[in-house]
């Protein structure tokens, strides 16, 4: 029986797994998800690795091996991560070949400590690209102001980039521009474009978490009979999908523009939007909300295992990404009028996201140092 996630391919959407763990790759469970559940790619980030390494015993032997070879700190983490990424890339090679490089890819992220260091990001991305040495790799670079020129430089190098931590529509426009600038630089140097792929990872559920909290605060501040209360309450849980749909509309405009078409005749690829952070944080919302509402052509949805399982059990396979654009535009106008500064709130999510990944990264290094010290004391 064809899974719901597999059926999404006929609607132009690819399903990736937002999860990586050593035992999951070795046990056969990952192979099952690829074979039976529609998974055609993998994303990782510092938080995913922190949970995998700190909360499991999967890495004990690998930590001992690499630490015994003299590795510690970031180098020890990188060795563990690279092992997992290479294994996942190898398992997805057939998918990459079948889709001609569109899918079958795995993402590894540059250190979150480099989020505001353009030169450092470029150097680390190039090094990771060489170290992993798999042609179905994506290097993840955050969409910070300092990340944008790094994205353009890496695309010009021919390195495939997954741009992460995109929240605002304004920043998303800059990400698409950075991708196109990189392609233009590469074309001007006489280099081929057809092998260069990129994703733009737009984060979803965190928008609702942030905006819903502000809506609740505004409702609490209003008098019991104030007419705005009911309207505000009706807008909870709507901002994230609206933001993603507006981002998709901008993607469609940008990649049908004369600027991109001039590159497309040279075999340039679209920079597909990837919906990230798609698990539902609020238990009052449907657990497949951020999958069901964001299905459409030329997109990727990366899901943690529990969201993938929920969608394959009871998700709705229907293209909805282009719906209700007028309502989405109205939401972005109306919430500020009601005292909820939507653009400001969304802008706050980028530095918060960078800080959260940096915190996970630092916690991971502490865990590895503790384990390395324990091994050395034996």
Protein backbone atom coordinates (compact mmCIF):
# COMPACT_ATOMS: atom_id res chain seq x y z
CA UNK A 1 0.00 0.00 0.00
CA UNK A 2 1.29 3.45 -0.91
CA UNK A 3 1.76 5.66 2.16
CA UNK A 4 0.32 9.15 2.39
CA UNK A 5 3.83 10.60 2.40
CA UNK A 6 4.62 8.77 -0.83
CA UNK A 7 1.44 10.17 -2.37
CA UNK A 8 2.71 13.68 -1.70
CA UNK A 9 5.30 13.16 -4.42
CA UNK A 10 2.51 13.25 -7.02
CA UNK A 11 1.61 16.72 -5.67
CA UNK A 12 5.20 17.92 -5.98
CA UNK A 13 6.20 17.70 -2.33
CA UNK A 14 9.11 15.69 -0.95
CA UNK A 15 9.07 14.30 2.59
CA UNK A 16 12.30 14.43 4.54
CA UNK A 17 13.05 13.16 8.02
CA UNK A 18 14.02 15.76 10.62
CA UNK A 19 15.94 13.26 12.72
CA UNK A 20 19.19 11.34 12.74
CA UNK A 21 20.58 8.83 15.22
CA UNK A 22 23.21 6.11 14.91
CA UNK A 23 21.04 3.18 16.02
CA UNK A 24 18.15 4.37 13.86
CA UNK A 25 20.45 4.21 10.82
CA UNK A 26 21.89 0.81 11.72
CA UNK A 27 18.78 -1.00 12.97
CA UNK A 28 16.92 -1.02 9.67
CA UNK A 29 14.26 1.46 10.81
CA UNK A 30 15.62 4.24 8.63
CA UNK A 31 15.70 1.90 5.63
CA UNK A 32 12.05 1.01 6.32
CA UNK A 33 11.03 4.68 6.34
CA UNK A 34 12.73 5.17 2.98
CA UNK A 35 11.29 1.97 1.53
CA UNK A 36 7.74 2.13 2.90
CA UNK A 37 6.96 5.54 4.42
CA UNK A 38 7.94 8.04 1.73
CA UNK A 39 11.14 9.50 3.23
CA UNK A 40 13.52 10.85 0.56
CA UNK A 41 15.92 13.04 2.55
CA UNK A 42 17.25 13.94 6.01
CA UNK A 43 17.82 17.15 7.93
CA UNK A 44 19.90 17.51 11.07
CA UNK A 45 20.78 20.35 13.41
CA UNK A 46 22.68 20.82 16.70
CA UNK A 47 19.57 20.12 18.77
CA UNK A 48 18.90 16.83 16.98
CA UNK A 49 22.48 15.69 17.51
CA UNK A 50 22.47 16.88 21.12
CA UNK A 51 19.42 14.75 21.89
CA UNK A 52 20.78 11.77 19.94
CA UNK A 53 24.16 11.73 21.67
CA UNK A 54 23.18 12.88 25.16
CA UNK A 55 20.04 10.78 25.54
CA UNK A 56 21.18 7.45 24.10
CA UNK A 57 23.98 4.94 24.42
CA UNK A 58 24.30 4.64 20.65
CA UNK A 59 27.58 6.53 20.51
CA UNK A 60 29.60 5.00 23.38
CA UNK A 61 31.91 2.94 21.20
CA UNK A 62 32.34 5.74 18.65
CA UNK A 63 33.16 8.27 21.38
CA UNK A 64 35.76 5.92 22.81
CA UNK A 65 37.29 5.31 19.38
CA UNK A 66 37.53 8.96 18.37
CA UNK A 67 38.56 10.17 21.84
CA UNK A 68 41.21 7.47 21.89
CA UNK A 69 42.53 8.98 18.69
CA UNK A 70 43.01 12.28 20.48
CA UNK A 71 39.82 14.10 19.48
CA UNK A 72 37.90 16.31 21.89
CA UNK A 73 35.50 19.25 21.85
CA UNK A 74 34.14 20.36 18.45
CA UNK A 75 36.44 17.95 16.59
CA UNK A 76 35.01 14.98 18.51
CA UNK A 77 31.44 16.06 17.79
CA UNK A 78 32.22 16.63 14.12
CA UNK A 79 33.71 13.15 13.77
CA UNK A 80 30.55 11.59 15.23
CA UNK A 81 28.27 13.74 13.09
CA UNK A 82 30.21 13.10 9.90
CA UNK A 83 30.01 9.34 10.47
CA UNK A 84 26.19 9.57 10.71
CA UNK A 85 25.86 11.95 7.76
CA UNK A 86 28.03 9.77 5.51
CA UNK A 87 26.03 6.69 6.44
CA UNK A 88 22.72 8.44 5.73
CA UNK A 89 24.06 9.80 2.43
CA UNK A 90 25.10 6.31 1.38
CA UNK A 91 21.68 4.89 2.27
CA UNK A 92 19.97 7.59 0.19
CA UNK A 93 22.26 7.39 -2.82
CA UNK A 94 19.74 5.40 -4.86
CA UNK A 95 17.09 8.05 -4.19
CA UNK A 96 19.51 10.78 -5.27
CA UNK A 97 20.26 8.93 -8.48
CA UNK A 98 16.57 8.27 -9.20
CA UNK A 99 15.64 11.94 -8.66
CA UNK A 100 18.77 13.28 -10.41
CA UNK A 101 19.98 14.99 -7.26
CA UNK A 102 16.75 16.69 -6.30
CA UNK A 103 16.21 14.45 -3.27
CA UNK A 104 18.16 11.70 -1.57
CA UNK A 105 20.18 14.32 0.27
CA UNK A 106 21.32 14.82 3.87
CA UNK A 107 22.01 18.12 5.62
CA UNK A 108 24.81 18.92 8.06
CA UNK A 109 24.96 22.32 9.75
CA UNK A 110 27.90 24.65 10.28
CA UNK A 111 28.63 25.48 13.91
CA UNK A 112 26.05 27.86 15.40
CA UNK A 113 29.00 29.76 16.86
CA UNK A 114 29.62 31.00 13.30
CA UNK A 115 26.14 32.47 12.75
CA UNK A 116 27.57 35.99 12.65
CA UNK A 117 30.91 35.17 11.01
CA UNK A 118 30.77 35.22 7.21
CA UNK A 119 34.35 34.16 6.56
CA UNK A 120 34.21 31.47 9.24
CA UNK A 121 30.97 30.09 7.80
CA UNK A 122 32.42 29.89 4.29
CA UNK A 123 35.57 28.16 5.53
CA UNK A 124 33.70 25.63 7.67
CA UNK A 125 31.14 24.87 4.96
CA UNK A 126 33.89 24.20 2.45
CA UNK A 127 35.71 21.99 4.94
CA UNK A 128 32.56 20.01 5.82
CA UNK A 129 31.85 19.57 2.12
CA UNK A 130 35.34 18.10 1.63
CA UNK A 131 35.24 16.01 4.80
CA UNK A 132 31.87 14.36 4.23
CA UNK A 133 32.82 13.84 0.58
CA UNK A 134 29.37 12.84 -0.61
CA UNK A 135 27.76 14.45 -3.63
CA UNK A 136 24.29 14.17 -2.06
CA UNK A 137 25.20 16.43 0.88
CA UNK A 138 23.64 19.75 1.83
CA UNK A 139 25.57 22.12 4.08
CA UNK A 140 23.20 24.12 6.28
CA UNK A 141 23.90 27.83 6.74
CA UNK A 142 21.70 30.11 8.89
CA UNK A 143 19.89 32.98 7.19
CA UNK A 144 21.47 35.67 9.33
CA UNK A 145 22.68 38.95 7.85
CA UNK A 146 26.21 37.54 7.99
CA UNK A 147 25.08 34.23 6.55
CA UNK A 148 23.70 35.77 3.36
CA UNK A 149 27.03 36.58 1.66
CA UNK A 150 28.30 33.16 2.72
CA UNK A 151 25.33 31.54 0.97
CA UNK A 152 26.08 33.41 -2.26
CA UNK A 153 29.79 32.49 -2.09
CA UNK A 154 29.10 28.80 -1.46
CA UNK A 155 26.57 28.56 -4.28
CA UNK A 156 29.13 30.20 -6.56
CA UNK A 157 31.55 27.46 -5.45
CA UNK A 158 29.03 24.83 -6.50
CA UNK A 159 28.33 23.69 -2.92
CA UNK A 160 24.70 22.75 -2.28
CA UNK A 161 23.28 24.82 0.58
CA UNK A 162 20.26 24.35 2.82
CA UNK A 163 19.54 27.82 4.20
CA UNK A 164 18.13 27.42 7.70
CA UNK A 165 16.38 29.51 10.36
CA UNK A 166 14.24 31.56 7.97
CA UNK A 167 11.29 33.20 9.67
CA UNK A 168 10.40 36.59 8.17
CA UNK A 169 9.25 37.28 4.64
CA UNK A 170 11.81 40.07 4.33
CA UNK A 171 14.66 37.72 5.22
CA UNK A 172 13.30 35.07 2.87
CA UNK A 173 13.48 37.57 -0.01
CA UNK A 174 17.15 38.17 0.87
CA UNK A 175 17.81 34.42 0.92
CA UNK A 176 16.40 33.99 -2.59
CA UNK A 177 18.51 36.94 -3.74
CA UNK A 178 21.65 35.38 -2.22
CA UNK A 179 20.99 32.12 -4.05
CA UNK A 180 20.47 33.90 -7.36
CA UNK A 181 23.59 36.03 -6.85
CA UNK A 182 25.60 32.88 -6.28
CA UNK A 183 24.24 31.33 -9.47
CA UNK A 184 24.95 34.51 -11.42
CA UNK A 185 28.54 34.58 -10.16
CA UNK A 186 28.96 30.93 -11.07
CA UNK A 187 27.49 31.44 -14.54
CA UNK A 188 29.72 34.48 -15.13
CA UNK A 189 32.73 32.29 -14.32
CA UNK A 190 31.62 29.79 -16.94
CA UNK A 191 30.77 27.10 -14.39
CA UNK A 192 27.82 24.69 -14.81
CA UNK A 193 24.62 25.29 -12.85
CA UNK A 194 22.70 22.05 -13.20
CA UNK A 195 24.40 20.28 -10.29
CA UNK A 196 23.83 23.10 -7.79
CA UNK A 197 20.81 22.64 -5.52
CA UNK A 198 19.53 24.69 -2.61
CA UNK A 199 16.71 24.64 -0.07
CA UNK A 200 15.24 27.57 1.86
CA UNK A 201 14.11 26.25 5.26
CA UNK A 202 11.18 28.31 6.50
CA UNK A 203 10.38 27.52 10.14
CA UNK A 204 6.70 27.11 10.89
CA UNK A 205 5.47 26.07 14.33
CA UNK A 206 7.70 28.49 16.22
CA UNK A 207 5.78 31.34 14.59
CA UNK A 208 2.51 30.19 16.14
CA UNK A 209 4.15 29.59 19.52
CA UNK A 210 5.45 33.16 19.54
CA UNK A 211 2.40 34.88 18.10
CA UNK A 212 -0.17 32.91 20.11
CA UNK A 213 1.54 33.96 23.33
CA UNK A 214 1.32 37.61 22.28
CA UNK A 215 -2.34 37.18 21.31
CA UNK A 216 -3.11 35.65 24.70
CA UNK A 217 -1.36 38.55 26.42
CA UNK A 218 -3.30 41.09 24.41
CA UNK A 219 -6.62 39.34 25.10
CA UNK A 220 -5.87 39.31 28.82
CA UNK A 221 -5.21 43.05 28.74
CA UNK A 222 -8.58 43.88 27.18
CA UNK A 223 -11.76 44.51 29.08
CA UNK A 224 -14.16 41.57 29.31
CA UNK A 225 -16.63 43.03 26.83
CA UNK A 226 -14.16 44.49 24.37
CA UNK A 227 -15.17 43.61 20.79
CA UNK A 228 -11.57 42.85 19.80
CA UNK A 229 -11.32 39.90 22.19
CA UNK A 230 -13.31 37.46 20.10
CA UNK A 231 -11.52 38.49 16.92
CA UNK A 232 -8.11 38.05 18.51
CA UNK A 233 -9.04 34.66 19.91
CA UNK A 234 -10.14 33.53 16.44
CA UNK A 235 -6.70 34.37 15.04
CA UNK A 236 -4.75 32.00 17.28
CA UNK A 237 -2.94 29.25 15.42
CA UNK A 238 -3.19 31.06 12.09
CA UNK A 239 0.04 33.05 11.79
CA UNK A 240 2.44 30.21 10.99
CA UNK A 241 0.49 28.81 8.05
CA UNK A 242 -0.21 32.33 6.78
CA UNK A 243 3.48 33.22 6.92
CA UNK A 244 4.45 30.05 5.05
CA UNK A 245 1.80 30.54 2.38
CA UNK A 246 2.92 34.11 1.78
CA UNK A 247 6.52 32.88 1.56
CA UNK A 248 5.45 30.33 -1.04
CA UNK A 249 3.69 33.03 -3.09
CA UNK A 250 6.93 35.04 -3.06
CA UNK A 251 8.87 31.93 -4.11
CA UNK A 252 6.58 31.49 -7.10
CA UNK A 253 6.99 35.11 -8.14
CA UNK A 254 10.78 35.16 -7.76
CA UNK A 255 11.34 31.92 -9.61
CA UNK A 256 9.15 32.90 -12.53
CA UNK A 257 10.91 36.26 -12.89
CA UNK A 258 13.13 37.22 -15.84
CA UNK A 259 16.12 37.12 -13.49
CA UNK A 260 15.67 33.43 -12.73
CA UNK A 261 14.53 32.49 -16.21
CA UNK A 262 17.83 33.81 -17.57
CA UNK A 263 19.55 31.31 -15.28
CA UNK A 264 17.04 28.55 -15.92
CA UNK A 265 17.97 28.41 -19.60
CA UNK A 266 21.45 27.56 -18.32
CA UNK A 267 19.88 24.66 -16.38
CA UNK A 268 19.69 26.35 -12.97
CA UNK A 269 17.50 24.66 -10.36
CA UNK A 270 14.77 26.15 -8.22
CA UNK A 271 15.61 26.86 -4.61
CA UNK A 272 12.73 24.90 -3.12
CA UNK A 273 11.07 26.05 0.12
CA UNK A 274 11.44 23.51 2.91
CA UNK A 275 8.92 23.65 5.75
CA UNK A 276 10.83 23.08 8.98
CA UNK A 277 9.69 22.89 12.61
CA UNK A 278 6.50 21.14 11.50
CA UNK A 279 5.64 19.23 14.67
CA UNK A 280 2.64 20.76 16.41
CA UNK A 281 3.65 22.32 19.72
CA UNK A 282 0.12 23.20 20.91
CA UNK A 283 -1.85 20.02 21.77
CA UNK A 284 -5.07 21.88 20.96
CA UNK A 285 -4.09 21.94 17.26
CA UNK A 286 -4.22 18.95 14.91
CA UNK A 287 -0.96 17.01 15.01
CA UNK A 288 -0.68 17.17 11.21
CA UNK A 289 -1.59 20.86 10.92
CA UNK A 290 1.76 22.00 9.50
CA UNK A 291 1.79 19.20 6.95
CA UNK A 292 -1.81 19.21 5.77
CA UNK A 293 -1.93 22.98 5.18
CA UNK A 294 1.42 23.35 3.40
CA UNK A 295 1.28 20.76 0.62
CA UNK A 296 2.13 22.02 -2.85
CA UNK A 297 4.45 21.75 -5.83
CA UNK A 298 8.22 22.25 -5.54
CA UNK A 299 8.29 22.04 -1.74
CA UNK A 300 9.83 19.87 0.96
CA UNK A 301 8.39 19.11 4.39
CA UNK A 302 10.87 17.78 6.93
CA UNK A 303 9.13 15.96 9.75
CA UNK A 304 10.26 14.38 13.02
CA UNK A 305 9.33 10.69 13.26
CA UNK A 306 6.18 11.25 15.31
CA UNK A 307 4.79 13.79 12.83
CA UNK A 308 5.60 11.52 9.90
CA UNK A 309 3.81 8.64 11.63
CA UNK A 310 0.79 10.84 12.38
CA UNK A 311 0.57 12.07 8.79
CA UNK A 312 0.86 8.57 7.36
CA UNK A 313 -1.89 7.48 9.74
CA UNK A 314 -4.45 10.25 9.25
CA UNK A 315 -3.05 13.20 7.28
CA UNK A 316 -4.85 14.81 4.36
CA UNK A 317 -3.20 14.43 0.94
CA UNK A 318 -4.37 17.58 -0.82
CA UNK A 319 -2.58 20.59 -2.31
CA UNK A 320 -3.48 23.52 -0.06
CA UNK A 321 -0.44 25.79 -0.13
CA UNK A 322 -2.04 28.33 -2.47
CA UNK A 323 -5.25 28.73 -0.50
CA UNK A 324 -6.47 31.76 1.43
CA UNK A 325 -3.72 34.18 0.40
CA UNK A 326 -6.08 37.12 0.85
CA UNK A 327 -6.84 35.91 4.35
CA UNK A 328 -3.12 35.56 5.07
CA UNK A 329 -2.45 39.12 3.89
CA UNK A 330 -5.37 40.32 6.03
CA UNK A 331 -3.93 38.58 9.09
CA UNK A 332 -0.61 40.39 8.64
CA UNK A 333 -2.45 43.72 8.44
CA UNK A 334 -5.01 43.07 11.13
CA UNK A 335 -2.94 41.69 14.01
CA UNK A 336 -0.82 44.87 14.34
CA UNK A 337 -4.05 46.89 14.30
CA UNK A 338 -5.24 44.76 17.22
CA UNK A 339 -2.08 45.40 19.21
CA UNK A 340 -0.07 42.29 18.24
CA UNK A 341 3.12 43.46 16.44
CA UNK A 342 3.37 40.50 14.07
CA UNK A 343 6.43 41.52 11.99
CA UNK A 344 8.38 42.44 15.13
CA UNK A 345 7.54 39.13 16.78
CA UNK A 346 8.61 37.13 13.74
CA UNK A 347 11.86 39.11 13.51
CA UNK A 348 12.66 38.08 17.10
CA UNK A 349 12.59 34.40 16.16
CA UNK A 350 15.85 34.46 14.19
CA UNK A 351 18.15 35.47 17.06
CA UNK A 352 16.18 33.19 19.39
CA UNK A 353 16.70 30.30 16.99
CA UNK A 354 20.43 30.96 16.71
CA UNK A 355 20.68 31.13 20.51
CA UNK A 356 18.73 27.87 20.93
CA UNK A 357 21.02 26.00 18.53
CA UNK A 358 24.10 27.47 20.21
CA UNK A 359 22.78 26.34 23.60
CA UNK A 360 22.23 22.80 22.29
CA UNK A 361 25.69 22.81 20.73
CA UNK A 362 27.35 23.89 23.98
CA UNK A 363 25.36 21.31 25.97
CA UNK A 364 26.45 18.63 23.50
CA UNK A 365 30.11 19.57 23.88
CA UNK A 366 29.75 19.39 27.68
CA UNK A 367 28.25 15.91 27.41
CA UNK A 368 31.04 14.71 25.13
CA UNK A 369 33.72 16.15 27.38
CA UNK A 370 32.18 14.38 30.37
CA UNK A 371 32.14 11.07 28.52
CA UNK A 372 35.66 11.57 27.23
CA UNK A 373 36.91 12.30 30.76
CA UNK A 374 35.19 9.18 32.09
CA UNK A 375 36.86 7.05 29.45
CA UNK A 376 40.27 8.60 30.17
CA UNK A 377 39.89 7.84 33.89
CA UNK A 378 39.33 4.13 33.35
